[in-house]
Amino acid sequence: MKIISFSTELDILPEYKPIPASKLIPDWYKSAESYLLGKKIPGGQANTTATIKKCMPVFDAIIAGYIIVSPADVFVSKTEEGSYFEWSAYNLIEFHPNEQAKNHPLSNASTYPKWQNPWAIKTAKGYSCLFVQPLHRESLFTILPGIVDTDTYNATVNFPFVLNDANFEGLIPAGTPLAQVIPIKREQWQMQFDNFNQEETRLKMHTKIFDRYKSMFWSKKEYK
């Protein structure tokens, strides 16, 4: 098992430290039914009544890696110049001028606020980290994703973001997920094109009604 290390110079309460994404499953997913009307039955035309909760690719995305959360409250209010941010502790937010990424599809304000992440991350040699908006989770904002070579870069990684509603006013509470950190192995890849043949996969899938992908193709992922 590979080790990923989170370190900080700040005193942060235990409940606001990074956490495996599998321990922060969103409420909408936990409360969702696995089958329509609670009935595990065939759905006709080789389908079932399974819902998104039985979709393993969605589950794997939700539990991938680790979640960095806000260590303190942030309050957003509107002024004539735009959004104004206040926070209760730490140096939580800095700003980039919009001109640094004015053509980015997420751009919607005169500046990019930037979460000042207090955590430096260290991974094994040959591994980087993908930083993305926490997957399949509701949020008031969206960070700009990026990849950092955390085996050699041993400093904090900050997260420029935009408010999803540029007119939002209100509280972003401590403990709010800021970024999902997914370790990835760096390897060289080369694209090629092959004849498309999924007959073997189809034959396997046609032998089962329920949990086809999970029972025949899926591998368990662990992040502790």
Protein backbone atom coordinates (compact mmCIF):
# COMPACT_ATOMS: atom_id res chain seq x y z
CA MET A 1 0.00 0.00 0.00
CA LYS A 2 1.33 3.45 -0.95
CA ILE A 3 1.56 6.30 1.58
CA ILE A 4 0.25 9.82 1.07
CA SER A 5 1.31 12.33 3.72
CA PHE A 6 -0.49 15.55 4.69
CA SER A 7 1.43 18.08 6.79
CA THR A 8 0.76 21.62 7.99
CA GLU A 9 2.35 24.34 10.10
CA LEU A 10 -1.03 25.37 11.52
CA ASP A 11 -3.01 24.11 14.49
CA ILE A 12 -6.14 22.65 12.93
CA LEU A 13 -8.89 20.80 14.78
CA PRO A 14 -9.04 17.06 14.04
CA GLU A 15 -12.50 17.32 12.46
CA TYR A 16 -11.12 19.72 9.83
CA LYS A 17 -8.16 17.62 8.73
CA PRO A 18 -8.12 15.84 5.33
CA ILE A 19 -10.25 12.73 5.29
CA PRO A 20 -10.58 9.72 2.96
CA ALA A 21 -13.37 10.51 0.50
CA SER A 22 -14.99 7.19 1.46
CA LYS A 23 -15.67 8.62 4.93
CA LEU A 24 -17.44 11.68 3.53
CA ILE A 25 -20.12 10.15 1.31
CA PRO A 26 -22.64 12.83 0.26
CA ASP A 27 -26.07 12.67 1.88
CA TRP A 28 -27.93 12.45 -1.44
CA TYR A 29 -26.04 9.25 -2.27
CA LYS A 30 -26.46 7.67 1.17
CA SER A 31 -30.21 8.30 1.12
CA ALA A 32 -30.78 7.14 -2.47
CA GLU A 33 -32.58 3.86 -3.09
CA SER A 34 -30.57 1.10 -4.76
CA TYR A 35 -33.59 -0.02 -6.80
CA LEU A 36 -36.68 1.79 -8.01
CA LEU A 37 -39.50 1.45 -5.47
CA GLY A 38 -37.13 -0.71 -3.43
CA LYS A 39 -37.65 -3.69 -5.75
CA LYS A 40 -34.66 -5.68 -7.01
CA ILE A 41 -36.31 -7.06 -10.13
CA PRO A 42 -35.62 -7.21 -13.86
CA GLY A 43 -36.62 -4.06 -15.67
CA GLY A 44 -37.25 -5.51 -19.12
CA GLN A 45 -35.05 -5.51 -22.22
CA ALA A 46 -32.09 -6.93 -20.26
CA ASN A 47 -32.21 -4.03 -17.82
CA THR A 48 -32.93 -3.88 -14.08
CA THR A 49 -34.56 -1.43 -11.72
CA ALA A 50 -31.14 -0.43 -10.38
CA THR A 51 -30.54 3.27 -9.71
CA ILE A 52 -27.40 5.41 -9.81
CA LYS A 53 -26.52 4.04 -6.37
CA LYS A 54 -25.67 0.69 -8.01
CA CYS A 55 -23.42 2.35 -10.59
CA MET A 56 -19.88 1.40 -9.55
CA PRO A 57 -18.13 4.06 -11.70
CA VAL A 58 -20.10 6.74 -9.81
CA PHE A 59 -19.27 5.09 -6.49
CA ASP A 60 -15.58 4.86 -7.38
CA ALA A 61 -15.54 8.56 -8.27
CA ILE A 62 -17.17 9.51 -4.95
CA ILE A 63 -14.69 7.52 -2.83
CA ALA A 64 -11.54 8.28 -4.85
CA GLY A 65 -8.70 9.78 -2.86
CA TYR A 66 -9.06 12.30 -0.07
CA ILE A 67 -11.07 15.41 0.70
CA ILE A 68 -9.56 18.65 1.95
CA VAL A 69 -12.10 20.72 3.89
CA SER A 70 -12.24 24.32 5.03
CA PRO A 71 -10.75 24.70 8.53
CA ALA A 72 -12.89 27.76 9.34
CA ASP A 73 -16.03 29.67 8.35
CA VAL A 74 -16.08 32.03 5.37
CA PHE A 75 -18.84 34.58 4.84
CA VAL A 76 -19.55 36.01 1.39
CA SER A 77 -21.30 39.35 0.88
CA LYS A 78 -21.84 41.54 -2.17
CA THR A 79 -20.36 44.97 -2.74
CA GLU A 80 -20.24 47.29 -5.73
CA GLU A 81 -16.84 45.82 -6.59
CA GLY A 82 -18.06 42.22 -6.41
CA SER A 83 -17.98 39.47 -3.82
CA TYR A 84 -16.42 40.26 -0.44
CA PHE A 85 -15.02 37.40 1.66
CA GLU A 86 -14.53 37.38 5.43
CA TRP A 87 -13.20 34.49 7.48
CA SER A 88 -12.93 33.62 11.14
CA ALA A 89 -9.36 32.28 11.29
CA TYR A 90 -6.21 31.54 9.27
CA ASN A 91 -5.33 33.20 5.96
CA LEU A 92 -8.01 31.35 4.05
CA ILE A 93 -8.40 33.24 0.77
CA GLU A 94 -6.24 35.23 -1.60
CA PHE A 95 -7.08 36.51 -5.09
CA HIS A 96 -5.91 36.25 -8.68
CA PRO A 97 -6.84 38.98 -11.17
CA ASN A 98 -9.29 37.76 -13.78
CA GLU A 99 -6.81 38.65 -16.54
CA GLN A 100 -4.66 35.66 -15.55
CA ALA A 101 -7.38 33.35 -16.88
CA LYS A 102 -10.00 35.63 -18.38
CA ASN A 103 -10.89 33.18 -21.15
CA HIS A 104 -11.34 30.21 -18.82
CA PRO A 105 -14.88 28.77 -19.17
CA LEU A 106 -15.50 29.16 -15.43
CA SER A 107 -14.64 32.85 -15.36
CA ASN A 108 -17.59 34.85 -14.02
CA ALA A 109 -16.14 37.68 -11.92
CA SER A 110 -13.39 40.32 -11.86
CA THR A 111 -11.14 38.14 -9.69
CA TYR A 112 -10.51 34.49 -8.91
CA PRO A 113 -10.64 33.90 -5.16
CA LYS A 114 -8.17 31.20 -4.15
CA TRP A 115 -8.47 28.80 -1.23
CA GLN A 116 -5.25 28.92 0.76
CA ASN A 117 -4.88 25.22 1.45
CA PRO A 118 -2.80 24.72 4.63
CA TRP A 119 -1.74 21.18 3.71
CA ALA A 120 1.46 20.14 1.94
CA ILE A 121 1.13 16.71 0.33
CA LYS A 122 3.83 14.12 -0.19
CA THR A 123 3.42 11.03 -2.39
CA ALA A 124 5.70 8.16 -3.35
CA LYS A 125 8.18 8.57 -6.20
CA GLY A 126 6.44 8.55 -9.57
CA TYR A 127 3.05 9.63 -8.20
CA SER A 128 1.28 12.95 -8.73
CA CYS A 129 -2.03 14.24 -7.37
CA LEU A 130 -5.06 15.30 -9.34
CA PHE A 131 -6.94 18.11 -7.56
CA VAL A 132 -10.59 18.40 -8.60
CA GLN A 133 -13.88 19.74 -7.36
CA PRO A 134 -15.24 17.08 -4.96
CA LEU A 135 -17.05 14.69 -7.28
CA HIS A 136 -20.83 14.18 -7.23
CA ARG A 137 -21.19 16.63 -4.36
CA GLU A 138 -23.24 19.81 -4.22
CA SER A 139 -21.18 22.94 -3.71
CA LEU A 140 -21.47 26.71 -3.72
CA PHE A 141 -18.25 26.98 -5.74
CA THR A 142 -16.07 25.14 -8.25
CA ILE A 143 -12.29 24.96 -8.11
CA LEU A 144 -10.09 25.01 -11.20
CA PRO A 145 -8.67 21.46 -11.42
CA GLY A 146 -4.97 20.74 -11.72
CA ILE A 147 -2.26 18.08 -11.40
CA VAL A 148 0.79 18.54 -9.17
CA ASP A 149 3.86 16.29 -8.96
CA THR A 150 3.64 15.84 -5.22
CA ASP A 151 6.60 13.46 -5.05
CA THR A 152 8.96 16.36 -5.79
CA TYR A 153 6.88 19.47 -4.98
CA ASN A 154 6.59 19.53 -1.20
CA ALA A 155 4.70 22.74 -0.52
CA THR A 156 1.06 23.70 -0.17
CA VAL A 157 -1.16 23.61 -3.26
CA ASN A 158 -3.85 26.30 -3.43
CA PHE A 159 -7.18 26.19 -5.25
CA PRO A 160 -8.49 29.07 -7.37
CA PHE A 161 -12.27 28.88 -7.54
CA VAL A 162 -15.40 30.63 -8.73
CA LEU A 163 -18.74 30.94 -6.99
CA ASN A 164 -21.30 28.96 -8.97
CA ASP A 165 -23.72 31.84 -8.41
CA ALA A 166 -21.77 35.08 -8.83
CA ASN A 167 -24.45 36.82 -6.72
CA PHE A 168 -24.26 34.38 -3.81
CA GLU A 169 -24.29 35.82 -0.31
CA GLY A 170 -24.02 33.72 2.82
CA LEU A 171 -21.91 31.33 4.85
CA ILE A 172 -19.47 28.70 3.61
CA PRO A 173 -19.09 26.79 6.88
CA ALA A 174 -15.99 25.15 8.32
CA GLY A 175 -15.81 21.56 7.16
CA THR A 176 -17.01 22.36 3.62
CA PRO A 177 -15.22 20.12 1.07
CA LEU A 178 -12.77 22.26 -0.90
CA ALA A 179 -10.96 19.77 -3.12
CA GLN A 180 -10.72 16.06 -3.86
CA VAL A 181 -7.12 14.81 -3.99
CA ILE A 182 -6.62 11.71 -6.15
CA PRO A 183 -3.14 10.16 -6.34
CA ILE A 184 -2.20 9.07 -9.87
CA LYS A 185 0.84 7.19 -11.16
CA ARG A 186 2.83 8.95 -13.84
CA GLU A 187 3.42 6.74 -16.85
CA GLN A 188 4.08 7.31 -20.54
CA TRP A 189 1.15 6.55 -22.79
CA GLN A 190 0.75 6.28 -26.53
CA MET A 191 -2.59 6.23 -28.28
CA GLN A 192 -3.48 3.58 -30.83
CA PHE A 193 -6.61 2.51 -32.70
CA ASP A 194 -7.90 -1.06 -32.77
CA ASN A 195 -10.89 -2.83 -34.25
CA PHE A 196 -13.81 -2.48 -31.87
CA ASN A 197 -14.86 -5.86 -30.48
CA GLN A 198 -16.83 -6.15 -27.29
CA GLU A 199 -18.31 -9.59 -27.94
CA GLU A 200 -16.53 -11.29 -25.03
CA THR A 201 -17.70 -8.59 -22.64
CA ARG A 202 -21.25 -8.83 -23.96
CA LEU A 203 -21.29 -12.61 -23.57
CA LYS A 204 -20.22 -12.32 -19.94
CA MET A 205 -22.74 -9.60 -19.16
CA HIS A 206 -25.60 -11.56 -20.72
CA THR A 207 -25.12 -14.34 -18.16
CA LYS A 208 -26.31 -12.18 -15.26
CA ILE A 209 -29.27 -9.93 -14.48
CA PHE A 210 -27.92 -7.99 -11.49
CA ASP A 211 -24.56 -6.36 -10.65
CA ARG A 212 -22.93 -7.33 -13.91
CA TYR A 213 -20.08 -4.86 -13.92
CA LYS A 214 -19.43 -5.18 -10.17
CA SER A 215 -19.34 -8.98 -10.13
CA MET A 216 -17.27 -9.52 -13.29
CA PHE A 217 -15.13 -6.49 -14.03
CA TRP A 218 -14.88 -4.17 -11.02
CA SER A 219 -11.89 -3.98 -8.66
CA LYS A 220 -12.13 -2.58 -5.14
CA LYS A 221 -10.29 0.69 -4.52
CA GLU A 222 -8.99 1.64 -1.08
CA TYR A 223 -7.92 5.00 0.31
CA LYS A 224 -7.23 5.01 4.04
